[in-house]
Protein backbone atom coordinates (compact mmCIF):
# COMPACT_ATOMS: atom_id res chain seq x y z
CA MET A 1 4.02 -15.87 5.06
CA SER A 2 0.56 -17.40 5.07
CA THR A 3 -2.27 -16.26 2.82
CA ILE A 4 -4.12 -14.66 5.74
CA GLU A 5 -0.98 -12.75 6.80
CA LEU A 6 -0.47 -11.64 3.21
CA ILE A 7 -4.07 -10.41 2.90
CA ILE A 8 -3.86 -8.52 6.20
CA THR A 9 -0.51 -6.95 5.25
CA CYS A 10 -1.72 -5.92 1.79
CA LEU A 11 -4.93 -4.58 3.31
CA GLY A 12 -2.93 -2.41 5.72
CA LEU A 13 -0.83 -1.04 2.90
CA SER A 14 -3.81 -0.57 0.60
CA LEU A 15 -5.30 1.89 3.09
CA ASP A 16 -2.57 4.30 1.94
CA CYS A 17 -3.86 3.96 -1.61
CA PHE A 18 -7.40 4.35 -0.29
CA VAL A 19 -6.59 7.70 1.33
CA VAL A 20 -4.75 9.03 -1.73
CA MET A 21 -7.61 8.14 -4.04
CA MET A 22 -10.11 9.44 -1.48
CA ALA A 23 -8.41 12.83 -1.83
CA ARG A 24 -8.72 12.57 -5.61
CA GLY A 25 -12.39 11.61 -5.34
CA ALA A 26 -13.05 14.69 -3.22
CA LEU A 27 -11.76 16.91 -6.02
CA VAL A 28 -13.66 15.63 -9.06
CA ASN A 29 -17.00 16.57 -10.51
CA GLN A 30 -19.69 14.12 -11.59
CA GLN A 31 -18.42 13.89 -15.19
CA GLU A 32 -14.87 13.03 -14.08
CA HIS A 33 -16.23 10.67 -11.43
CA ARG A 34 -17.34 8.35 -14.24
CA ARG A 35 -13.66 7.75 -15.07
CA SER A 36 -12.96 6.37 -11.61
CA ILE A 37 -12.66 2.77 -12.83
CA ALA A 38 -10.02 3.79 -15.37
CA ASN A 39 -8.17 5.71 -12.65
CA SER A 40 -8.30 2.65 -10.38
CA LEU A 41 -7.01 0.35 -13.11
CA VAL A 42 -4.09 2.64 -13.91
CA PHE A 43 -3.21 2.93 -10.23
CA ALA A 44 -3.42 -0.87 -9.77
CA VAL A 45 -1.25 -1.61 -12.83
CA VAL A 46 1.43 0.84 -11.69
CA SER A 47 1.29 -0.70 -8.23
CA LEU A 48 1.67 -4.20 -9.74
CA MET A 49 4.75 -3.08 -11.70
CA MET A 50 6.37 -1.65 -8.57
CA LEU A 51 5.46 -4.80 -6.63
CA MET A 52 7.11 -7.01 -9.26
CA ILE A 53 10.28 -4.90 -9.15
CA GLY A 54 10.24 -5.20 -5.35
CA LEU A 55 9.77 -8.97 -5.58
CA PHE A 56 12.79 -9.18 -7.89
CA VAL A 57 14.93 -7.08 -5.55
CA GLY A 58 13.75 -9.14 -2.58
CA THR A 59 14.74 -12.35 -4.37
CA VAL A 60 18.22 -10.98 -4.99
CA ILE A 61 18.54 -9.93 -1.33
CA GLU A 62 17.07 -13.24 -0.10
CA ASN A 63 19.79 -15.18 -1.88
CA GLN A 64 22.51 -13.16 -0.15
CA PHE A 65 21.55 -13.68 3.49
CA VAL A 66 20.48 -16.43 5.84
CA LEU A 67 16.76 -16.92 6.52
CA HIS A 68 16.75 -15.21 9.95
CA ALA A 69 18.42 -12.09 8.58
CA ASN A 70 15.81 -11.95 5.79
CA GLN A 71 12.97 -12.27 8.28
CA ILE A 72 14.40 -9.58 10.54
CA GLY A 73 14.89 -7.32 7.50
CA ALA A 74 11.31 -7.97 6.39
CA ALA A 75 9.97 -7.19 9.87
CA LEU A 76 11.93 -3.93 9.89
CA ILE A 77 10.50 -2.98 6.48
CA LEU A 78 6.94 -3.63 7.69
CA PHE A 79 7.58 -1.69 10.89
CA LEU A 80 9.04 1.28 9.00
CA LEU A 81 6.13 1.29 6.54
CA GLY A 82 3.76 1.35 9.52
CA CYS A 83 5.66 4.24 11.09
CA VAL A 84 5.62 6.21 7.82
CA LEU A 85 1.85 5.78 7.54
CA MET A 86 1.39 6.89 11.15
CA ILE A 87 3.52 9.98 10.55
CA ARG A 88 1.52 10.75 7.41
CA ALA A 89 -1.71 10.39 9.40
CA PHE A 90 -0.79 13.16 11.79
CA ARG A 91 1.33 15.40 9.58
CA GLN A 92 -1.40 15.95 7.03
CA ASN A 93 -2.01 19.61 6.38
CA GLU A 94 -5.46 21.02 5.94
CA PHE A 95 -7.06 19.87 2.74
CA GLU A 96 -9.21 22.21 0.71
CA GLU A 97 -11.87 20.33 -1.22
CA ARG A 98 -12.25 22.09 -4.52
CA HIS A 99 -12.63 20.99 -8.12
CA ASP A 100 -9.37 20.01 -9.84
CA ASN A 101 -9.55 20.52 -13.62
CA ASN A 102 -6.14 18.97 -14.26
CA PHE A 103 -6.81 15.43 -13.05
CA SER A 104 -6.01 13.07 -15.93
CA LEU A 105 -4.90 9.47 -16.41
CA LYS A 106 -1.35 10.76 -16.83
CA ARG A 107 -1.53 12.37 -13.39
CA VAL A 108 -3.01 9.14 -11.97
CA PHE A 109 -0.08 7.24 -13.47
CA TRP A 110 2.52 9.51 -11.85
CA LEU A 111 0.58 9.57 -8.59
CA GLY A 112 0.63 5.77 -8.74
CA VAL A 113 4.39 5.71 -9.28
CA VAL A 114 5.06 8.00 -6.34
CA MET A 115 2.59 6.26 -4.05
CA SER A 116 3.81 2.77 -4.99
CA ILE A 117 7.24 3.14 -3.43
CA ASP A 118 5.77 1.48 -0.34
CA VAL A 119 4.43 -1.34 -2.56
CA PHE A 120 7.97 -1.79 -3.89
CA LEU A 121 9.14 -2.21 -0.29
CA LEU A 122 6.27 -4.61 0.38
CA GLY A 123 7.38 -6.71 -2.60
CA THR A 124 10.92 -6.79 -1.23
CA CYS A 125 9.62 -7.71 2.20
CA VAL A 126 7.32 -10.56 1.18
CA SER A 127 9.95 -11.96 -1.15
CA MET A 128 12.38 -12.08 1.77
CA LEU A 129 9.68 -13.94 3.71
CA GLN A 130 9.48 -16.47 0.86
CA ALA A 131 5.85 -15.79 0.01
CA ASN A 132 4.31 -17.18 -3.17
CA MET A 133 4.95 -14.46 -5.78
CA LEU A 134 1.83 -15.15 -7.86
CA GLU A 135 -0.33 -15.04 -4.74
CA VAL A 136 1.33 -11.78 -3.66
CA CYS A 137 0.72 -10.18 -7.05
CA LEU A 138 -2.93 -11.27 -7.16
CA VAL A 139 -3.78 -10.23 -3.59
CA SER A 140 -1.94 -6.92 -3.73
CA THR A 141 -3.29 -5.91 -7.14
CA LEU A 142 -6.89 -6.81 -6.29
CA LEU A 143 -6.75 -4.98 -2.96
CA THR A 144 -5.13 -1.95 -4.60
CA LEU A 145 -7.81 -1.91 -7.30
CA LEU A 146 -10.59 -2.17 -4.72
CA SER A 147 -8.97 0.42 -2.44
CA ALA A 148 -8.49 2.89 -5.27
CA GLN A 149 -12.09 2.49 -6.41
CA LEU A 150 -13.60 2.63 -2.92
CA GLY A 151 -11.35 5.55 -1.99
CA GLN A 152 -12.61 7.57 -4.94
CA GLU A 153 -16.22 6.72 -4.09
CA VAL A 154 -15.82 7.67 -0.44
CA GLY A 155 -13.97 10.88 -1.36
CA TYR A 156 -16.60 11.81 -3.93
CA ARG A 157 -19.48 11.20 -1.52
CA LEU A 158 -18.03 12.13 1.89
CA GLY A 159 -14.95 14.21 1.17
CA PHE A 160 -11.57 13.78 2.83
CA ALA A 161 -12.57 14.03 6.48
CA TYR A 162 -11.57 10.54 7.66
CA ARG A 163 -8.05 10.37 6.20
CA ARG A 164 -6.28 10.20 9.56
CA VAL A 165 -8.35 7.23 10.68
CA PHE A 166 -7.50 5.24 7.56
CA PHE A 167 -3.79 6.13 7.69
CA ALA A 168 -3.63 5.19 11.39
CA ALA A 169 -5.48 1.89 10.78
CA GLY A 170 -3.08 0.95 7.98
CA SER A 171 -0.15 1.89 10.17
CA LEU A 172 -1.31 -0.24 13.08
CA ILE A 173 -1.90 -3.23 10.81
CA LEU A 174 1.63 -3.02 9.38
CA ILE A 175 3.25 -2.56 12.79
CA LEU A 176 1.32 -5.54 14.17
CA MET A 177 2.36 -7.65 11.18
CA SER A 178 6.01 -6.71 11.77
CA LEU A 179 5.65 -7.83 15.39
CA ASN A 180 4.06 -11.06 14.16
CA VAL A 181 7.08 -11.76 11.94
CA LEU A 182 9.46 -10.99 14.80
CA SER A 183 7.53 -13.23 17.20
CA ARG A 184 8.19 -16.17 14.90
CA ILE A 185 11.91 -15.39 14.64
CA ILE A 186 12.81 -14.74 18.29
CA PRO A 187 12.36 -18.37 19.46
CA LEU A 188 14.54 -19.54 16.57
CA LEU A 189 17.41 -17.22 17.54
CA LYS A 190 17.96 -18.82 20.96
């Protein structure tokens, strides 16, 4: 997986984080908004931990199968992640923007754990594609940090109105990346 492909893939997945933190930003008051950097850091660190676990699992899986099977598995993971984001884009219930008094760093941590299951799968996927692990960790963590921060800013300023657009964009990016991986494998299978 090239650096550009990695950045595009992580960007697609980070739009999920963007939407989640956009929802959080829509619920905070000005005083809590000042903690947005701390929230973003917690979310990014949790995401990095899940990514590293996924990279480890992907390494174990990679050693068990031939390269083509790993690439097909990775393409399927990317495709499924894209489908999940698309489903989330259109299954979203109405969202009532109101102040949430219970939003704390502990809640951000647990929100990060739940929302980073897809990052775990990304780690597994890119490991199976033999990507550079340090590069993956840096790109994913930086994009998650930026997405979390920008999501909170957009949510605080504009609310949660554009969530479907961001989910759908992330979904399309991941599905296209899965097709990109498959397009490289198909000629090799002949």
